[in-house]
N, C-alpha and C. Protein backbone atom coordinates (compact mmCIF):
# COMPACT_ATOMS: atom_id res chain seq x y z
N UNK A 1 -6.95 -13.41 32.60
CA UNK A 1 -6.25 -14.64 32.94
C UNK A 1 -7.19 -15.81 32.72
N UNK A 2 -6.62 -16.90 32.31
CA UNK A 2 -7.40 -18.11 32.06
C UNK A 2 -7.44 -18.98 33.30
N UNK A 3 -8.57 -19.66 33.50
CA UNK A 3 -8.58 -20.64 34.59
C UNK A 3 -7.79 -21.86 34.13
N UNK A 4 -7.55 -22.76 35.04
CA UNK A 4 -6.67 -23.91 34.78
C UNK A 4 -7.15 -24.76 33.60
N UNK A 5 -8.45 -25.01 33.50
CA UNK A 5 -8.99 -25.83 32.41
C UNK A 5 -8.84 -25.15 31.06
N UNK A 6 -9.15 -23.86 31.00
CA UNK A 6 -9.02 -23.12 29.75
C UNK A 6 -7.56 -23.03 29.32
N UNK A 7 -6.66 -22.82 30.28
CA UNK A 7 -5.23 -22.76 29.97
C UNK A 7 -4.79 -24.08 29.34
N UNK A 8 -5.23 -25.19 29.90
CA UNK A 8 -4.86 -26.51 29.38
C UNK A 8 -5.39 -26.68 27.95
N UNK A 9 -6.62 -26.27 27.70
CA UNK A 9 -7.19 -26.39 26.36
C UNK A 9 -6.41 -25.56 25.34
N UNK A 10 -6.01 -24.37 25.73
CA UNK A 10 -5.21 -23.52 24.84
C UNK A 10 -3.88 -24.19 24.53
N UNK A 11 -3.24 -24.78 25.54
CA UNK A 11 -1.96 -25.45 25.32
C UNK A 11 -2.11 -26.64 24.38
N UNK A 12 -3.20 -27.39 24.52
CA UNK A 12 -3.45 -28.53 23.62
C UNK A 12 -3.65 -28.02 22.20
N UNK A 13 -4.42 -26.95 22.02
CA UNK A 13 -4.62 -26.38 20.69
C UNK A 13 -3.31 -25.88 20.08
N UNK A 14 -2.47 -25.27 20.90
CA UNK A 14 -1.17 -24.82 20.40
C UNK A 14 -0.33 -26.01 19.92
N UNK A 15 -0.33 -27.08 20.70
CA UNK A 15 0.42 -28.28 20.34
C UNK A 15 -0.09 -28.86 19.01
N UNK A 16 -1.40 -29.00 18.91
CA UNK A 16 -1.99 -29.56 17.69
C UNK A 16 -1.65 -28.66 16.50
N UNK A 17 -1.78 -27.38 16.66
CA UNK A 17 -1.48 -26.43 15.58
C UNK A 17 -0.01 -26.52 15.17
N UNK A 18 0.87 -26.54 16.14
CA UNK A 18 2.31 -26.57 15.87
C UNK A 18 2.71 -27.86 15.15
N UNK A 19 2.21 -28.98 15.61
CA UNK A 19 2.66 -30.26 15.07
C UNK A 19 1.88 -30.77 13.87
N UNK A 20 0.61 -30.45 13.77
CA UNK A 20 -0.21 -31.01 12.70
C UNK A 20 -0.62 -29.99 11.64
N UNK A 21 -0.35 -28.71 11.88
CA UNK A 21 -0.64 -27.70 10.87
C UNK A 21 0.66 -27.06 10.40
N UNK A 22 1.37 -26.39 11.30
CA UNK A 22 2.59 -25.69 10.91
C UNK A 22 3.69 -26.64 10.47
N UNK A 23 3.70 -27.85 10.96
CA UNK A 23 4.74 -28.81 10.61
C UNK A 23 4.55 -29.48 9.26
N UNK A 24 3.43 -29.25 8.61
CA UNK A 24 3.16 -29.91 7.32
C UNK A 24 3.96 -29.25 6.20
N UNK A 25 4.61 -30.06 5.39
CA UNK A 25 5.42 -29.55 4.29
C UNK A 25 4.61 -28.79 3.27
N UNK A 26 3.41 -29.30 2.95
CA UNK A 26 2.61 -28.62 1.93
C UNK A 26 2.19 -27.23 2.39
N UNK A 27 1.89 -27.09 3.67
CA UNK A 27 1.51 -25.78 4.20
C UNK A 27 2.73 -24.88 4.28
N UNK A 28 3.88 -25.44 4.68
CA UNK A 28 5.12 -24.65 4.73
C UNK A 28 5.48 -24.15 3.34
N UNK A 29 5.29 -24.99 2.32
CA UNK A 29 5.59 -24.58 0.96
C UNK A 29 4.69 -23.41 0.55
N UNK A 30 3.41 -23.53 0.87
CA UNK A 30 2.47 -22.46 0.55
C UNK A 30 2.85 -21.17 1.28
N UNK A 31 3.21 -21.28 2.56
CA UNK A 31 3.58 -20.11 3.34
C UNK A 31 4.82 -19.43 2.77
N UNK A 32 5.80 -20.23 2.38
CA UNK A 32 7.02 -19.66 1.78
C UNK A 32 6.70 -18.96 0.47
N UNK A 33 5.87 -19.59 -0.34
CA UNK A 33 5.48 -18.98 -1.60
C UNK A 33 4.70 -17.71 -1.40
N UNK A 34 3.75 -17.74 -0.46
CA UNK A 34 2.96 -16.55 -0.20
C UNK A 34 3.84 -15.44 0.39
N UNK A 35 4.83 -15.80 1.17
CA UNK A 35 5.78 -14.81 1.68
C UNK A 35 6.50 -14.09 0.56
N UNK A 36 6.89 -14.84 -0.47
CA UNK A 36 7.55 -14.23 -1.63
C UNK A 36 6.57 -13.33 -2.40
N UNK A 37 5.33 -13.79 -2.52
CA UNK A 37 4.31 -12.99 -3.20
C UNK A 37 4.12 -11.66 -2.47
N UNK A 38 4.01 -11.72 -1.15
CA UNK A 38 3.79 -10.50 -0.36
C UNK A 38 5.00 -9.57 -0.45
N UNK A 39 6.19 -10.13 -0.38
CA UNK A 39 7.40 -9.31 -0.49
C UNK A 39 7.45 -8.60 -1.83
N UNK A 40 7.15 -9.33 -2.90
CA UNK A 40 7.16 -8.75 -4.24
C UNK A 40 6.11 -7.64 -4.36
N UNK A 41 4.93 -7.87 -3.79
CA UNK A 41 3.86 -6.87 -3.86
C UNK A 41 4.24 -5.61 -3.06
N UNK A 42 4.77 -5.80 -1.86
CA UNK A 42 5.16 -4.65 -1.03
C UNK A 42 6.24 -3.84 -1.72
N UNK A 43 7.28 -4.50 -2.20
CA UNK A 43 8.37 -3.78 -2.87
C UNK A 43 7.87 -3.05 -4.12
N UNK A 44 7.01 -3.72 -4.88
CA UNK A 44 6.49 -3.12 -6.09
C UNK A 44 5.62 -1.90 -5.81
N UNK A 45 4.77 -1.99 -4.79
CA UNK A 45 3.90 -0.86 -4.46
C UNK A 45 4.69 0.32 -3.90
N UNK A 46 5.69 0.04 -3.09
CA UNK A 46 6.53 1.13 -2.57
C UNK A 46 7.28 1.81 -3.72
N UNK A 47 7.82 1.01 -4.64
CA UNK A 47 8.51 1.60 -5.79
C UNK A 47 7.55 2.46 -6.61
N UNK A 48 6.31 2.00 -6.75
CA UNK A 48 5.32 2.77 -7.51
C UNK A 48 5.02 4.09 -6.81
N UNK A 49 4.88 4.05 -5.49
CA UNK A 49 4.63 5.28 -4.74
C UNK A 49 5.79 6.26 -4.81
N UNK A 50 7.00 5.75 -5.00
CA UNK A 50 8.18 6.59 -5.07
C UNK A 50 8.50 7.06 -6.49
N UNK A 51 7.75 6.59 -7.47
CA UNK A 51 7.97 6.95 -8.87
C UNK A 51 7.32 8.32 -9.14
N UNK A 52 8.14 9.32 -9.31
CA UNK A 52 7.64 10.69 -9.47
C UNK A 52 6.76 10.85 -10.70
N UNK A 53 6.96 10.04 -11.73
CA UNK A 53 6.20 10.18 -12.97
C UNK A 53 4.90 9.38 -12.98
N UNK A 54 4.76 8.40 -12.11
CA UNK A 54 3.61 7.51 -12.21
C UNK A 54 2.84 7.33 -10.91
N UNK A 55 3.28 7.97 -9.82
CA UNK A 55 2.62 7.74 -8.54
C UNK A 55 1.18 8.23 -8.49
N UNK A 56 0.80 9.12 -9.37
CA UNK A 56 -0.58 9.62 -9.39
C UNK A 56 -1.58 8.53 -9.84
N UNK A 57 -1.07 7.41 -10.40
CA UNK A 57 -1.96 6.34 -10.84
C UNK A 57 -2.06 5.18 -9.85
N UNK A 58 -1.48 5.35 -8.67
CA UNK A 58 -1.58 4.34 -7.62
C UNK A 58 -3.05 4.17 -7.25
N UNK A 59 -3.50 2.95 -6.93
CA UNK A 59 -4.92 2.76 -6.55
C UNK A 59 -5.35 3.75 -5.46
N UNK A 60 -6.54 4.32 -5.59
CA UNK A 60 -7.01 5.34 -4.65
C UNK A 60 -7.00 4.87 -3.19
N UNK A 61 -7.37 3.64 -2.94
CA UNK A 61 -7.39 3.14 -1.55
C UNK A 61 -5.98 3.14 -0.97
N UNK A 62 -4.99 2.79 -1.76
CA UNK A 62 -3.60 2.82 -1.29
C UNK A 62 -3.18 4.25 -1.01
N UNK A 63 -3.52 5.18 -1.90
CA UNK A 63 -3.19 6.60 -1.67
C UNK A 63 -3.82 7.08 -0.36
N UNK A 64 -5.06 6.67 -0.13
CA UNK A 64 -5.75 7.08 1.11
C UNK A 64 -5.06 6.53 2.34
N UNK A 65 -4.68 5.26 2.31
CA UNK A 65 -4.02 4.64 3.47
C UNK A 65 -2.66 5.28 3.74
N UNK A 66 -1.93 5.59 2.69
CA UNK A 66 -0.63 6.26 2.85
C UNK A 66 -0.83 7.64 3.46
N UNK A 67 -1.84 8.36 3.00
CA UNK A 67 -2.13 9.69 3.55
C UNK A 67 -2.49 9.63 5.03
N UNK A 68 -3.33 8.68 5.40
CA UNK A 68 -3.72 8.52 6.80
C UNK A 68 -2.50 8.20 7.66
N UNK A 69 -1.67 7.27 7.19
CA UNK A 69 -0.48 6.88 7.96
C UNK A 69 0.51 8.03 8.07
N UNK A 70 0.73 8.75 6.98
CA UNK A 70 1.67 9.87 7.00
C UNK A 70 1.19 10.96 7.95
N UNK A 71 -0.11 11.25 7.92
CA UNK A 71 -0.68 12.23 8.86
C UNK A 71 -0.49 11.78 10.31
N UNK A 72 -0.66 10.49 10.54
CA UNK A 72 -0.47 9.95 11.89
C UNK A 72 0.96 10.11 12.38
N UNK A 73 1.93 9.84 11.50
CA UNK A 73 3.33 10.02 11.88
C UNK A 73 3.67 11.49 12.09
N UNK A 74 3.07 12.37 11.29
CA UNK A 74 3.29 13.81 11.47
C UNK A 74 2.74 14.26 12.82
N UNK A 75 1.57 13.75 13.19
CA UNK A 75 0.98 14.10 14.49
C UNK A 75 1.86 13.59 15.63
N UNK A 76 2.38 12.37 15.50
CA UNK A 76 3.28 11.84 16.53
C UNK A 76 4.54 12.70 16.65
N UNK A 77 5.06 13.15 15.52
CA UNK A 77 6.26 14.00 15.56
C UNK A 77 5.97 15.32 16.27
N UNK A 78 4.81 15.90 15.99
CA UNK A 78 4.46 17.19 16.62
C UNK A 78 4.19 17.03 18.11
N UNK A 79 3.43 16.00 18.48
CA UNK A 79 3.02 15.84 19.88
C UNK A 79 4.09 15.18 20.75
N UNK A 80 4.92 14.35 20.17
CA UNK A 80 5.98 13.63 20.88
C UNK A 80 5.49 13.05 22.21
N UNK A 81 4.53 12.11 22.16
CA UNK A 81 4.04 11.52 23.40
C UNK A 81 5.15 10.73 24.11
N UNK A 82 5.11 10.71 25.44
CA UNK A 82 6.15 9.99 26.17
C UNK A 82 6.11 8.50 25.85
N UNK A 83 7.29 7.92 25.75
CA UNK A 83 7.39 6.49 25.48
C UNK A 83 7.37 6.12 24.01
N UNK A 84 7.15 7.10 23.14
CA UNK A 84 7.14 6.84 21.70
C UNK A 84 8.43 7.41 21.11
N UNK A 85 9.15 6.62 20.32
CA UNK A 85 10.39 7.13 19.74
C UNK A 85 10.13 8.39 18.92
N UNK A 86 11.09 9.30 18.94
CA UNK A 86 10.97 10.56 18.20
C UNK A 86 11.06 10.26 16.71
N UNK A 87 10.12 10.82 15.96
CA UNK A 87 10.08 10.64 14.52
C UNK A 87 10.62 11.92 13.88
N UNK A 88 11.62 11.76 13.05
CA UNK A 88 12.21 12.89 12.36
C UNK A 88 11.31 13.28 11.18
N UNK A 89 11.33 14.55 10.82
CA UNK A 89 10.51 15.05 9.71
C UNK A 89 10.80 14.28 8.43
N UNK A 90 12.07 13.99 8.19
CA UNK A 90 12.47 13.27 6.97
C UNK A 90 11.90 11.85 6.92
N UNK A 91 11.55 11.29 8.06
CA UNK A 91 11.06 9.91 8.11
C UNK A 91 9.54 9.79 7.95
N UNK A 92 8.81 10.88 8.09
CA UNK A 92 7.34 10.82 8.04
C UNK A 92 6.84 10.18 6.75
N UNK A 93 7.32 10.65 5.62
CA UNK A 93 6.84 10.15 4.33
C UNK A 93 7.22 8.68 4.13
N UNK A 94 8.45 8.33 4.45
CA UNK A 94 8.91 6.95 4.28
C UNK A 94 8.10 6.01 5.16
N UNK A 95 7.92 6.38 6.43
CA UNK A 95 7.14 5.55 7.34
C UNK A 95 5.67 5.48 6.91
N UNK A 96 5.13 6.59 6.43
CA UNK A 96 3.75 6.62 5.96
C UNK A 96 3.54 5.71 4.75
N UNK A 97 4.50 5.74 3.81
CA UNK A 97 4.40 4.85 2.65
C UNK A 97 4.45 3.39 3.09
N UNK A 98 5.39 3.08 3.96
CA UNK A 98 5.52 1.70 4.42
C UNK A 98 4.28 1.21 5.14
N UNK A 99 3.77 2.02 6.05
CA UNK A 99 2.58 1.63 6.81
C UNK A 99 1.36 1.54 5.91
N UNK A 100 1.22 2.49 4.98
CA UNK A 100 0.09 2.47 4.05
C UNK A 100 0.10 1.23 3.17
N UNK A 101 1.27 0.88 2.65
CA UNK A 101 1.39 -0.31 1.81
C UNK A 101 1.07 -1.57 2.63
N UNK A 102 1.61 -1.67 3.84
CA UNK A 102 1.34 -2.85 4.67
C UNK A 102 -0.14 -2.96 5.02
N UNK A 103 -0.78 -1.83 5.32
CA UNK A 103 -2.22 -1.86 5.61
C UNK A 103 -3.01 -2.28 4.37
N UNK A 104 -2.59 -1.79 3.21
CA UNK A 104 -3.25 -2.13 1.96
C UNK A 104 -3.13 -3.63 1.68
N UNK A 105 -1.92 -4.15 1.77
CA UNK A 105 -1.69 -5.58 1.52
C UNK A 105 -2.43 -6.44 2.55
N UNK A 106 -2.43 -6.01 3.81
CA UNK A 106 -3.10 -6.77 4.86
C UNK A 106 -4.61 -6.84 4.64
N UNK A 107 -5.17 -5.89 3.92
CA UNK A 107 -6.62 -5.89 3.68
C UNK A 107 -7.02 -6.81 2.54
N UNK A 108 -6.04 -7.39 1.84
CA UNK A 108 -6.33 -8.22 0.68
C UNK A 108 -6.49 -9.69 1.07
N UNK A 109 -7.28 -10.41 0.31
CA UNK A 109 -7.33 -11.86 0.46
C UNK A 109 -6.07 -12.45 -0.18
N UNK A 110 -5.82 -13.73 0.02
CA UNK A 110 -4.66 -14.36 -0.60
C UNK A 110 -4.71 -14.21 -2.12
N UNK A 111 -5.88 -14.46 -2.71
CA UNK A 111 -6.01 -14.35 -4.16
C UNK A 111 -5.77 -12.93 -4.64
N UNK A 112 -6.27 -11.95 -3.91
CA UNK A 112 -6.05 -10.56 -4.29
C UNK A 112 -4.58 -10.19 -4.17
N UNK A 113 -3.91 -10.66 -3.11
CA UNK A 113 -2.48 -10.38 -2.95
C UNK A 113 -1.68 -10.99 -4.10
N UNK A 114 -2.05 -12.20 -4.50
CA UNK A 114 -1.36 -12.82 -5.64
C UNK A 114 -1.61 -12.02 -6.92
N UNK A 115 -2.83 -11.54 -7.10
CA UNK A 115 -3.15 -10.75 -8.28
C UNK A 115 -2.36 -9.45 -8.30
N UNK A 116 -2.25 -8.78 -7.15
CA UNK A 116 -1.47 -7.54 -7.07
C UNK A 116 -0.01 -7.83 -7.37
N UNK A 117 0.52 -8.91 -6.82
CA UNK A 117 1.91 -9.28 -7.05
C UNK A 117 2.15 -9.56 -8.53
N UNK A 118 1.23 -10.27 -9.16
CA UNK A 118 1.37 -10.55 -10.59
C UNK A 118 1.26 -9.27 -11.41
N UNK A 119 0.33 -8.41 -11.03
CA UNK A 119 0.13 -7.16 -11.77
C UNK A 119 1.37 -6.28 -11.69
N UNK A 120 1.95 -6.19 -10.50
CA UNK A 120 3.10 -5.31 -10.30
C UNK A 120 4.31 -5.84 -11.08
N UNK A 121 4.32 -7.17 -11.33
CA UNK A 121 5.38 -7.79 -12.14
C UNK A 121 5.08 -7.76 -13.62
N UNK A 122 3.84 -7.39 -13.97
CA UNK A 122 3.47 -7.29 -15.37
C UNK A 122 2.99 -8.59 -15.97
N UNK A 123 1.76 -8.96 -15.71
CA UNK A 123 1.15 -10.15 -16.31
C UNK A 123 0.10 -9.70 -17.31
N UNK A 124 0.48 -9.39 -18.54
CA UNK A 124 -0.48 -8.85 -19.51
C UNK A 124 -1.60 -9.82 -19.87
N UNK A 125 -1.39 -11.12 -19.66
CA UNK A 125 -2.42 -12.10 -20.00
C UNK A 125 -3.60 -12.06 -19.02
N UNK A 126 -3.44 -11.39 -17.88
CA UNK A 126 -4.51 -11.33 -16.89
C UNK A 126 -4.89 -9.89 -16.57
N UNK A 127 -4.64 -8.98 -17.49
CA UNK A 127 -4.82 -7.55 -17.24
C UNK A 127 -6.18 -7.22 -16.65
N UNK A 128 -7.26 -7.67 -17.24
CA UNK A 128 -8.59 -7.26 -16.79
C UNK A 128 -8.98 -7.96 -15.49
N UNK A 129 -8.57 -9.21 -15.32
CA UNK A 129 -8.86 -9.91 -14.05
C UNK A 129 -8.16 -9.23 -12.90
N UNK A 130 -6.92 -8.88 -13.09
CA UNK A 130 -6.12 -8.27 -12.03
C UNK A 130 -6.68 -6.89 -11.68
N UNK A 131 -7.03 -6.10 -12.67
CA UNK A 131 -7.52 -4.75 -12.44
C UNK A 131 -8.77 -4.73 -11.57
N UNK A 132 -9.59 -5.75 -11.67
CA UNK A 132 -10.80 -5.80 -10.85
C UNK A 132 -10.50 -6.06 -9.38
N UNK A 133 -9.32 -6.61 -9.08
CA UNK A 133 -8.96 -6.92 -7.69
C UNK A 133 -8.34 -5.74 -6.95
N UNK A 134 -8.00 -4.69 -7.66
CA UNK A 134 -7.40 -3.53 -7.01
C UNK A 134 -8.50 -2.74 -6.37
């Protein structure tokens, strides 16, 4: 819990952030654009993981994160801890792919996320630059 002075300082910072940062059009435009970039990257990576003919070429770090997440969901299904929704066997892989992709994207810088998004859409003019960011 915060003391009265610290609580007040946090509220002032929230106000300043809300009105002078989040309220700016240029920042809102960037956030909307980056949201589209992230959506495109997530959808593209999930489609790649679901491609039976090409999924073996997914970046190794992404494969590792998907494996860790899938194993975690399998363990939750087996142990069924109280208070955790029951995970069906059929959902383990889907949830693992989703969590692995989100963890992968979350580990990227803005520039790396944009590069992944461009690569997944096919930007042949930046092939070597993009490949270094994976």
